[in-house]
Amino acid sequence: QVRLVEAVGGLVQAGGSLRLSCAASGTIFSSDAMGWYRQAPGNQRELVAVTTSGGSTNYADSVKGRFTISRDNAKNTLYLQMNSLKPEDTAVYYCNLKRSPLRGGLTYWGQGTQVTVSS
């Protein structure tokens, strides 16, 4: 079993920065992919950024160049550094872990944390 707990997000002015963190507990494998998703009111949950077991990263076009995802395997912690924030980044941000198919292929979610960017 895996538990993902996001630290509290926050309120920031447009142009500001915020760092999200997600602590993973339970059995974590280096082959697990981890990422951040977000969901704004009235919208579907969307991928923000993901980091795979090989260390590669992928970002949504809307956040490229502004957000950076990183992972500390020793601490089982996932981060999302968000710079140059815009009001449209306002959403609930969710931490995600996807187990490789060879290990069952399960997906786990955190409880979500609110990020609000004021204009």
Protein backbone atom coordinates (compact mmCIF):
# COMPACT_ATOMS: atom_id res chain seq x y z
CA GLN A 1 0.00 0.00 0.00
CA VAL A 2 1.15 3.54 -0.78
CA ARG A 3 0.15 6.76 0.91
CA LEU A 4 0.78 10.15 -0.64
CA VAL A 5 0.49 13.29 1.46
CA GLU A 6 0.83 16.73 -0.07
CA ALA A 7 1.98 19.61 2.08
CA VAL A 8 -0.32 22.61 2.25
CA GLY A 9 -0.29 24.72 -0.92
CA GLY A 10 -1.06 28.36 -0.50
CA LEU A 11 -2.06 31.73 -1.82
CA VAL A 12 0.40 33.68 -3.93
CA GLN A 13 0.26 36.74 -6.14
CA ALA A 14 0.67 36.45 -9.87
CA GLY A 15 4.33 36.31 -10.81
CA GLY A 16 5.24 34.70 -7.52
CA SER A 17 6.63 31.28 -6.70
CA LEU A 18 5.53 28.33 -4.67
CA ARG A 19 6.97 24.88 -4.04
CA LEU A 20 4.74 21.89 -3.50
CA SER A 21 5.92 18.73 -1.84
CA CYS A 22 4.46 15.25 -1.59
CA ALA A 23 5.68 12.66 0.91
CA ALA A 24 5.24 9.05 -0.13
CA SER A 25 5.12 6.22 2.38
CA GLY A 26 4.74 2.49 2.05
CA THR A 27 6.50 0.40 -0.52
CA ILE A 28 8.01 2.69 -3.13
CA PHE A 29 10.00 1.37 -6.06
CA SER A 30 12.49 3.33 -8.12
CA SER A 31 10.54 2.14 -11.16
CA ASP A 32 7.42 4.00 -10.01
CA ALA A 33 6.55 7.07 -12.03
CA MET A 34 5.45 10.07 -10.00
CA GLY A 35 3.75 13.23 -11.08
CA TRP A 36 1.53 16.19 -10.36
CA TYR A 37 -1.95 16.74 -11.69
CA ARG A 38 -4.33 19.62 -11.11
CA GLN A 39 -8.03 20.26 -11.29
CA ALA A 40 -9.65 23.67 -11.49
CA PRO A 41 -13.36 24.16 -10.77
CA GLY A 42 -15.44 22.95 -13.67
CA ASN A 43 -12.46 21.37 -15.39
CA GLN A 44 -11.17 17.85 -15.69
CA ARG A 45 -8.05 16.77 -13.85
CA GLU A 46 -5.03 17.38 -16.04
CA LEU A 47 -1.41 16.38 -16.05
CA VAL A 48 1.00 19.07 -14.92
CA ALA A 49 4.31 17.22 -14.81
CA VAL A 50 5.63 13.70 -14.45
CA THR A 51 8.99 12.13 -13.73
CA THR A 52 9.71 8.55 -14.68
CA SER A 53 12.00 5.94 -13.19
CA GLY A 54 14.71 6.81 -15.68
CA GLY A 55 14.70 10.41 -14.56
CA SER A 56 13.01 11.82 -17.62
CA THR A 57 10.40 14.52 -17.17
CA ASN A 58 7.39 15.70 -19.11
CA TYR A 59 5.40 18.86 -18.67
CA ALA A 60 2.12 20.23 -19.85
CA ASP A 61 2.69 22.91 -22.46
CA SER A 62 1.03 25.46 -20.20
CA VAL A 63 3.71 25.11 -17.52
CA LYS A 64 6.86 24.44 -19.55
CA GLY A 65 9.62 26.81 -18.58
CA ARG A 66 7.85 27.84 -15.38
CA PHE A 67 7.45 24.62 -13.37
CA THR A 68 10.10 22.07 -12.41
CA ILE A 69 9.38 18.61 -11.07
CA SER A 70 11.95 16.79 -8.98
CA ARG A 71 12.15 13.70 -6.84
CA ASP A 72 14.26 12.82 -3.82
CA ASN A 73 14.30 9.03 -3.77
CA ALA A 74 16.13 8.91 -0.45
CA LYS A 75 13.29 10.84 1.19
CA ASN A 76 10.51 9.42 -0.99
CA THR A 77 9.44 12.96 -1.67
CA LEU A 78 8.21 14.59 -4.84
CA TYR A 79 8.45 18.32 -5.44
CA LEU A 80 6.99 20.83 -7.84
CA GLN A 81 8.70 24.20 -8.04
CA MET A 82 6.29 26.69 -9.56
CA ASN A 83 7.60 30.03 -10.78
CA SER A 84 5.98 32.92 -12.63
CA LEU A 85 2.61 31.78 -11.41
CA LYS A 86 -0.51 32.91 -13.23
CA PRO A 87 -4.12 33.14 -12.06
CA GLU A 88 -4.94 30.28 -14.43
CA ASP A 89 -2.64 28.04 -12.36
CA THR A 90 -5.21 28.19 -9.58
CA ALA A 91 -6.38 24.65 -8.89
CA VAL A 92 -6.23 21.74 -6.52
CA TYR A 93 -2.93 19.98 -7.13
CA TYR A 94 -2.69 16.22 -6.69
CA CYS A 95 0.34 14.03 -6.24
CA ASN A 96 0.26 10.79 -8.24
CA LEU A 97 2.23 7.55 -8.25
CA LYS A 98 1.95 4.97 -11.02
CA ARG A 99 3.39 1.54 -10.43
CA SER A 100 4.99 -0.14 -13.43
CA PRO A 101 2.93 -2.89 -15.11
CA LEU A 102 5.49 -5.44 -13.97
CA ARG A 103 4.63 -4.54 -10.39
CA GLY A 104 0.89 -4.45 -10.77
CA GLY A 105 0.27 -1.17 -12.54
CA LEU A 106 -1.71 0.42 -9.70
CA THR A 107 -2.22 4.17 -9.41
CA TYR A 108 -2.26 6.11 -6.15
CA TRP A 109 -3.39 9.68 -5.41
CA GLY A 110 -2.79 12.17 -2.67
CA GLN A 111 -5.62 14.11 -1.08
CA GLY A 112 -4.86 17.28 -3.01
CA THR A 113 -3.72 20.73 -1.98
CA GLN A 114 -5.18 24.07 -2.99
CA VAL A 115 -3.05 26.57 -4.88
CA THR A 116 -4.56 30.00 -5.44
CA VAL A 117 -2.90 32.66 -7.57
CA SER A 118 -4.33 36.13 -7.24
CA SER A 119 -4.13 38.69 -10.01
